[in-house]
C-alpha atoms as a PDB file:
ATOM      1  CA  MET A   1       0.027   0.035   0.026  1.00  0.00           C
ATOM      2  CA  ALA A   2       2.822   2.401   0.759  1.00  0.00           C
ATOM      3  CA  ASP A   3       3.885   2.573  -2.899  1.00  0.00           C
ATOM      4  CA  TYR A   4       0.277   2.938  -4.366  1.00  0.00           C
ATOM      5  CA  VAL A   5       0.156   5.662  -6.941  1.00  0.00           C
ATOM      6  CA  LEU A   6      -3.162   7.399  -7.566  1.00  0.00           C
ATOM      7  CA  GLN A   7      -3.748   8.047 -11.283  1.00  0.00           C
ATOM      8  CA  ASP A   8      -3.462  11.639 -12.408  1.00  0.00           C
ATOM      9  CA  TYR A   9      -6.700  13.087 -13.900  1.00  0.00           C
ATOM     10  CA  LEU A  10      -5.117  15.681 -16.224  1.00  0.00           C
ATOM     11  CA  ARG A  11      -5.638  16.747 -19.819  1.00  0.00           C
ATOM     12  CA  VAL A  12      -4.600  19.864 -21.713  1.00  0.00           C
ATOM     13  CA  GLY A  13      -6.365  23.098 -20.979  1.00  0.00           C
ATOM     14  CA  LEU A  14      -8.248  22.302 -17.858  1.00  0.00           C
ATOM     15  CA  ASN A  15      -9.778  25.269 -15.988  1.00  0.00           C
ATOM     16  CA  LEU A  16      -8.535  24.051 -12.695  1.00  0.00           C
ATOM     17  CA  VAL A  17      -6.123  21.426 -11.184  1.00  0.00           C
ATOM     18  CA  PHE A  18      -6.158  20.512  -7.575  1.00  0.00           C
ATOM     19  CA  VAL A  19      -2.791  19.491  -6.220  1.00  0.00           C
ATOM     20  CA  GLY A  20      -2.666  17.309  -3.116  1.00  0.00           C
ATOM     21  CA  PHE A  21       0.629  16.565  -1.369  1.00  0.00           C
ATOM     22  CA  ASN A  22       0.379  12.718  -1.265  1.00  0.00           C
ATOM     23  CA  PRO A  23      -2.226  10.114  -0.876  1.00  0.00           C
ATOM     24  CA  SER A  24      -3.600   9.393   2.528  1.00  0.00           C
ATOM     25  CA  LEU A  25      -3.427   5.801   3.728  1.00  0.00           C
ATOM     26  CA  ARG A  26      -7.175   5.465   3.095  1.00  0.00           C
ATOM     27  CA  SER A  27      -6.986   6.826  -0.442  1.00  0.00           C
ATOM     28  CA  ALA A  28      -4.109   4.466  -1.223  1.00  0.00           C
ATOM     29  CA  GLU A  29      -6.084   1.563   0.181  1.00  0.00           C
ATOM     30  CA  VAL A  30      -9.209   2.272  -1.959  1.00  0.00           C
ATOM     31  CA  GLY A  31      -7.452   3.774  -4.901  1.00  0.00           C
ATOM     32  CA  TYR A  32      -9.443   7.167  -4.927  1.00  0.00           C
ATOM     33  CA  TYR A  33      -8.539  10.687  -4.150  1.00  0.00           C
ATOM     34  CA  TYR A  34      -9.635  12.285  -0.916  1.00  0.00           C
ATOM     35  CA  ALA A  35     -11.295   9.124   0.315  1.00  0.00           C
ATOM     36  CA  GLY A  36     -10.390   9.585   4.003  1.00  0.00           C
ATOM     37  CA  ARG A  37     -13.302   9.527   6.561  1.00  0.00           C
ATOM     38  CA  GLY A  38     -13.859  13.158   7.430  1.00  0.00           C
ATOM     39  CA  ASN A  39     -12.083  14.611   4.414  1.00  0.00           C
ATOM     40  CA  GLN A  40     -14.255  17.482   3.075  1.00  0.00           C
ATOM     41  CA  PHE A  41     -12.900  17.749  -0.396  1.00  0.00           C
ATOM     42  CA  TRP A  42     -15.876  16.421  -2.300  1.00  0.00           C
ATOM     43  CA  PRO A  43     -18.522  18.174  -0.336  1.00  0.00           C
ATOM     44  CA  PHE A  44     -16.624  21.510  -0.601  1.00  0.00           C
ATOM     45  CA  LEU A  45     -16.500  21.154  -4.442  1.00  0.00           C
ATOM     46  CA  TYR A  46     -20.237  20.688  -4.535  1.00  0.00           C
ATOM     47  CA  GLU A  47     -21.107  23.329  -1.951  1.00  0.00           C
ATOM     48  CA  ALA A  48     -18.828  25.938  -3.658  1.00  0.00           C
ATOM     49  CA  GLY A  49     -20.484  25.274  -6.969  1.00  0.00           C
ATOM     50  CA  LEU A  50     -17.515  23.623  -8.699  1.00  0.00           C
ATOM     51  CA  THR A  51     -19.530  20.464  -9.331  1.00  0.00           C
ATOM     52  CA  ASP A  52     -23.275  20.222  -9.862  1.00  0.00           C
ATOM     53  CA  ARG A  53     -23.720  17.299  -7.545  1.00  0.00           C
ATOM     54  CA  LEU A  54     -21.865  15.695  -4.600  1.00  0.00           C
ATOM     55  CA  LEU A  55     -19.407  13.310  -6.004  1.00  0.00           C
ATOM     56  CA  GLU A  56     -18.054  10.394  -4.067  1.00  0.00           C
ATOM     57  CA  PRO A  57     -14.390   9.379  -3.933  1.00  0.00           C
ATOM     58  CA  ARG A  58     -15.059   6.408  -6.098  1.00  0.00           C
ATOM     59  CA  GLU A  59     -16.206   8.732  -8.814  1.00  0.00           C
ATOM     60  CA  ASP A  60     -12.959  10.820  -8.823  1.00  0.00           C
ATOM     61  CA  ALA A  61     -12.368  10.198 -12.516  1.00  0.00           C
ATOM     62  CA  SER A  62     -15.492  12.058 -13.441  1.00  0.00           C
ATOM     63  CA  ILE A  63     -13.839  15.266 -12.086  1.00  0.00           C
ATOM     64  CA  LEU A  64     -12.697  15.672 -15.708  1.00  0.00           C
ATOM     65  CA  ASP A  65     -16.351  16.169 -16.752  1.00  0.00           C
ATOM     66  CA  TYR A  66     -16.146  19.525 -14.815  1.00  0.00           C
ATOM     67  CA  ASN A  67     -12.852  20.582 -16.620  1.00  0.00           C
ATOM     68  CA  ILE A  68     -11.029  19.993 -13.278  1.00  0.00           C
ATOM     69  CA  GLY A  69      -8.019  17.834 -12.767  1.00  0.00           C
ATOM     70  CA  LEU A  70      -6.412  16.039  -9.811  1.00  0.00           C
ATOM     71  CA  THR A  71      -2.722  15.161  -9.037  1.00  0.00           C
ATOM     72  CA  ASP A  72      -0.340  15.048  -6.118  1.00  0.00           C
ATOM     73  CA  ILE A  73       3.165  16.319  -5.562  1.00  0.00           C
ATOM     74  CA  VAL A  74       4.485  13.190  -4.026  1.00  0.00           C
ATOM     75  CA  LYS A  75       3.231  10.243  -6.023  1.00  0.00           C
ATOM     76  CA  GLY A  76       3.475   6.728  -4.800  1.00  0.00           C
ATOM     77  CA  ARG A  77       4.009   7.380  -1.103  1.00  0.00           C
ATOM     78  CA  ALA A  78       0.956   7.074   1.132  1.00  0.00           C
ATOM     79  CA  THR A  79       1.369   8.416   4.700  1.00  0.00           C
ATOM     80  CA  ARG A  80      -0.641   9.338   7.693  1.00  0.00           C
ATOM     81  CA  GLY A  81       0.223  12.990   7.168  1.00  0.00           C
ATOM     82  CA  ILE A  82       2.624  15.360   5.303  1.00  0.00           C
ATOM     83  CA  GLY A  83       4.935  15.230   8.360  1.00  0.00           C
ATOM     84  CA  ASP A  84       6.076  11.722   7.207  1.00  0.00           C
ATOM     85  CA  LEU A  85       7.414  13.140   3.926  1.00  0.00           C
ATOM     86  CA  THR A  86      11.011  14.191   3.411  1.00  0.00           C
ATOM     87  CA  ASP A  87      12.434  17.365   1.868  1.00  0.00           C
ATOM     88  CA  GLY A  88      13.623  15.008  -0.939  1.00  0.00           C
ATOM     89  CA  ASP A  89      10.094  13.827  -1.570  1.00  0.00           C
ATOM     90  CA  TYR A  90       8.921  17.380  -2.115  1.00  0.00           C
ATOM     91  CA  VAL A  91      11.954  18.353  -4.369  1.00  0.00           C
ATOM     92  CA  SER A  92      11.659  15.396  -6.777  1.00  0.00           C
ATOM     93  CA  GLY A  93       7.733  15.538  -6.721  1.00  0.00           C
ATOM     94  CA  PHE A  94       7.752  19.302  -7.466  1.00  0.00           C
ATOM     95  CA  GLU A  95       9.854  18.883 -10.484  1.00  0.00           C
ATOM     96  CA  LEU A  96       7.516  16.225 -11.865  1.00  0.00           C
ATOM     97  CA  LEU A  97       4.525  18.479 -11.043  1.00  0.00           C
ATOM     98  CA  ARG A  98       6.187  21.323 -12.926  1.00  0.00           C
ATOM     99  CA  GLU A  99       6.651  19.119 -15.978  1.00  0.00           C
ATOM    100  CA  LYS A 100       3.010  18.008 -15.852  1.00  0.00           C
ATOM    101  CA  MET A 101       1.756  21.628 -15.497  1.00  0.00           C
ATOM    102  CA  ARG A 102       3.966  22.632 -18.435  1.00  0.00           C
ATOM    103  CA  ARG A 103       2.608  19.905 -20.535  1.00  0.00           C
ATOM    104  CA  TYR A 104      -1.156  20.235 -19.545  1.00  0.00           C
ATOM    105  CA  ARG A 105      -1.301  24.059 -19.120  1.00  0.00           C
ATOM    106  CA  PRO A 106      -4.295  24.524 -16.771  1.00  0.00           C
ATOM    107  CA  ARG A 107      -5.502  27.985 -16.132  1.00  0.00           C
ATOM    108  CA  VAL A 108      -5.544  27.723 -12.303  1.00  0.00           C
ATOM    109  CA  ILE A 109      -3.707  25.398  -9.973  1.00  0.00           C
ATOM    110  CA  CYS A 110      -5.043  25.054  -6.402  1.00  0.00           C
ATOM    111  CA  PHE A 111      -2.888  23.566  -3.781  1.00  0.00           C
ATOM    112  CA  ASN A 112      -4.885  21.820  -1.111  1.00  0.00           C
ATOM    113  CA  GLY A 113      -3.068  22.678   2.096  1.00  0.00           C
ATOM    114  CA  LYS A 114      -0.571  25.323   3.341  1.00  0.00           C
ATOM    115  CA  SER A 115       2.252  23.223   4.807  1.00  0.00           C
ATOM    116  CA  GLY A 116       3.202  21.400   1.669  1.00  0.00           C
ATOM    117  CA  TYR A 117       2.690  24.517  -0.444  1.00  0.00           C
ATOM    118  CA  ALA A 118       5.332  26.426   1.694  1.00  0.00           C
ATOM    119  CA  LYS A 119       7.707  23.517   1.225  1.00  0.00           C
ATOM    120  CA  VAL A 120       7.737  23.775  -2.489  1.00  0.00           C
ATOM    121  CA  MET A 121       7.042  27.392  -3.086  1.00  0.00           C
ATOM    122  CA  GLY A 122       8.940  28.818  -0.116  1.00  0.00           C
ATOM    123  CA  GLY A 123       8.032  31.156   2.697  1.00  0.00           C
ATOM    124  CA  LYS A 124       4.819  31.686   4.786  1.00  0.00           C
ATOM    125  CA  ARG A 125       1.740  32.069   2.728  1.00  0.00           C
ATOM    126  CA  ASP A 126      -1.865  33.364   3.222  1.00  0.00           C
ATOM    127  CA  TYR A 127      -4.759  31.341   1.770  1.00  0.00           C
ATOM    128  CA  GLY A 128      -6.225  32.640  -1.422  1.00  0.00           C
ATOM    129  CA  LEU A 129      -4.882  33.784  -4.743  1.00  0.00           C
ATOM    130  CA  GLN A 130      -1.109  33.979  -4.933  1.00  0.00           C
ATOM    131  CA  ASP A 131       1.140  36.539  -6.570  1.00  0.00           C
ATOM    132  CA  GLU A 132       3.214  34.091  -8.429  1.00  0.00           C
ATOM    133  CA  MET A 133       2.329  31.778 -11.257  1.00  0.00           C
ATOM    134  CA  LEU A 134       3.489  28.286 -12.051  1.00  0.00           C
ATOM    135  CA  GLU A 135       4.076  27.297 -15.697  1.00  0.00           C
ATOM    136  CA  GLY A 136       1.776  30.114 -16.848  1.00  0.00           C
ATOM    137  CA  ALA A 137      -1.120  29.124 -14.432  1.00  0.00           C
ATOM    138  CA  LYS A 138      -2.467  31.236 -11.678  1.00  0.00           C
ATOM    139  CA  LEU A 139      -1.996  29.832  -8.226  1.00  0.00           C
ATOM    140  CA  PHE A 140      -4.524  29.572  -5.488  1.00  0.00           C
ATOM    141  CA  LEU A 141      -3.874  28.178  -1.974  1.00  0.00           C
ATOM    142  CA  ALA A 142      -6.805  26.541  -0.104  1.00  0.00           C
ATOM    143  CA  PRO A 143      -6.910  25.061   3.346  1.00  0.00           C
ATOM    144  CA  SER A 144      -6.433  21.341   3.558  1.00  0.00           C
ATOM    145  CA  THR A 145      -9.757  19.514   3.323  1.00  0.00           C
ATOM    146  CA  SER A 146      -8.561  17.105   5.889  1.00  0.00           C
ATOM    147  CA  GLY A 147     -10.744  16.829   9.026  1.00  0.00           C
ATOM    148  CA  ALA A 148      -7.355  17.107  10.980  1.00  0.00           C
ATOM    149  CA  LEU A 149      -6.975  20.892  10.136  1.00  0.00           C
ATOM    150  CA  PRO A 150      -8.315  22.686  13.095  1.00  0.00           C
ATOM    151  CA  MET A 151     -10.103  25.386  11.164  1.00  0.00           C
ATOM    152  CA  PRO A 152     -13.841  25.837  11.241  1.00  0.00           C
ATOM    153  CA  ARG A 153     -15.593  24.182   8.350  1.00  0.00           C
ATOM    154  CA  VAL A 154     -17.362  27.346   7.229  1.00  0.00           C
ATOM    155  CA  GLU A 155     -14.084  29.111   7.003  1.00  0.00           C
ATOM    156  CA  LYS A 156     -12.521  26.450   4.895  1.00  0.00           C
ATOM    157  CA  LEU A 157     -15.545  26.416   2.591  1.00  0.00           C
ATOM    158  CA  ARG A 158     -15.299  30.135   2.230  1.00  0.00           C
ATOM    159  CA  TYR A 159     -11.896  29.680   0.312  1.00  0.00           C
ATOM    160  CA  TYR A 160     -13.369  27.049  -2.059  1.00  0.00           C
ATOM    161  CA  ARG A 161     -16.240  29.466  -2.833  1.00  0.00           C
ATOM    162  CA  GLU A 162     -13.612  32.215  -3.444  1.00  0.00           C
ATOM    163  CA  LEU A 163     -11.795  29.849  -5.745  1.00  0.00           C
ATOM    164  CA  LYS A 164     -15.093  29.252  -7.747  1.00  0.00           C
ATOM    165  CA  PHE A 165     -15.638  33.000  -8.003  1.00  0.00           C
ATOM    166  CA  PHE A 166     -12.021  33.533  -9.234  1.00  0.00           C
ATOM    167  CA  VAL A 167     -12.153  30.718 -11.856  1.00  0.00           C
ATOM    168  CA  ASP A 168     -15.552  31.966 -13.149  1.00  0.00           C
ATOM    169  CA  ASN A 169     -14.285  35.540 -13.438  1.00  0.00           C
ATOM    170  CA  LEU A 170     -11.123  34.412 -15.163  1.00  0.00           C
ATOM    171  CA  LEU A 171     -13.004  32.384 -17.700  1.00  0.00           C
ATOM    172  CA  ARG A 172     -15.367  35.256 -18.246  1.00  0.00           C
ATOM    173  CA  SER A 173     -12.655  37.756 -18.867  1.00  0.00           C
ATOM    174  CA  GLU A 174     -10.907  35.226 -21.317  1.00  0.00           C
ATOM    175  CA  ASP A 175     -14.302  34.949 -23.165  1.00  0.00           C
ATOM    176  CA  GLU A 176     -14.585  38.710 -23.331  1.00  0.00           C
ATOM    177  CA  ALA A 177     -11.075  39.127 -24.627  1.00  0.00           C
ATOM    178  CA  THR A 178     -11.796  36.460 -27.286  1.00  0.00           C
ATOM    179  CA  GLU A 179     -14.993  38.279 -28.321  1.00  0.00           C
ATOM    180  CA  TYR A 180     -13.172  41.611 -28.478  1.00  0.00           C
ATOM    181  CA  PHE A 181     -10.557  40.315 -30.891  1.00  0.00           C
ATOM    182  CA  VAL A 182     -12.943  38.614 -33.226  1.00  0.00           C
ATOM    183  CA  CYS A 183     -12.957  40.387 -36.566  1.00  0.00           C
ATOM    184  CA  ASP A 184     -15.869  40.451 -39.029  1.00  0.00           C
ATOM    185  CA  ASP A 185     -14.489  40.860 -42.557  1.00  0.00           C
ATOM    186  CA  ARG A 186     -17.769  41.195 -44.300  1.00  0.00           C
END
């Protein structure tokens, strides 16, 4: 189980890719993202309006139907928590993540959790939209959906709603820019 790799759900041009840090023991056991009891990822996607129904972990592949992708920084190493990962895990995993993001070019990348994000991007960070970009994608930092994070549920959900608002506005502004540059040669 410790060497189980969850399949990436990625394709070119996704609106949003969620990046976890590594699979939980439960996710590795069942083979689905965010499958831990008490993990709020799937309910948050639905409640924030990123999906039109509440998906179950066993339906994780259907996330692509929403133009959303899933991956992890550290593939193939399930742990109880990110405290069990080494700096080397992050360094090698982040290089692979960069290659994937360069290849698939999502519009927005959302890191699920602050600790791992700080390890790969450096420094202390606030939740929300970040100043830097990664391989051309806007970066957003959301609180971990793990039930272990001692943050009120409503506060966590607020960031997922903010993410939905940001993605919608980004897509709307891209659509308007495209319409503006369409030329009618009649």
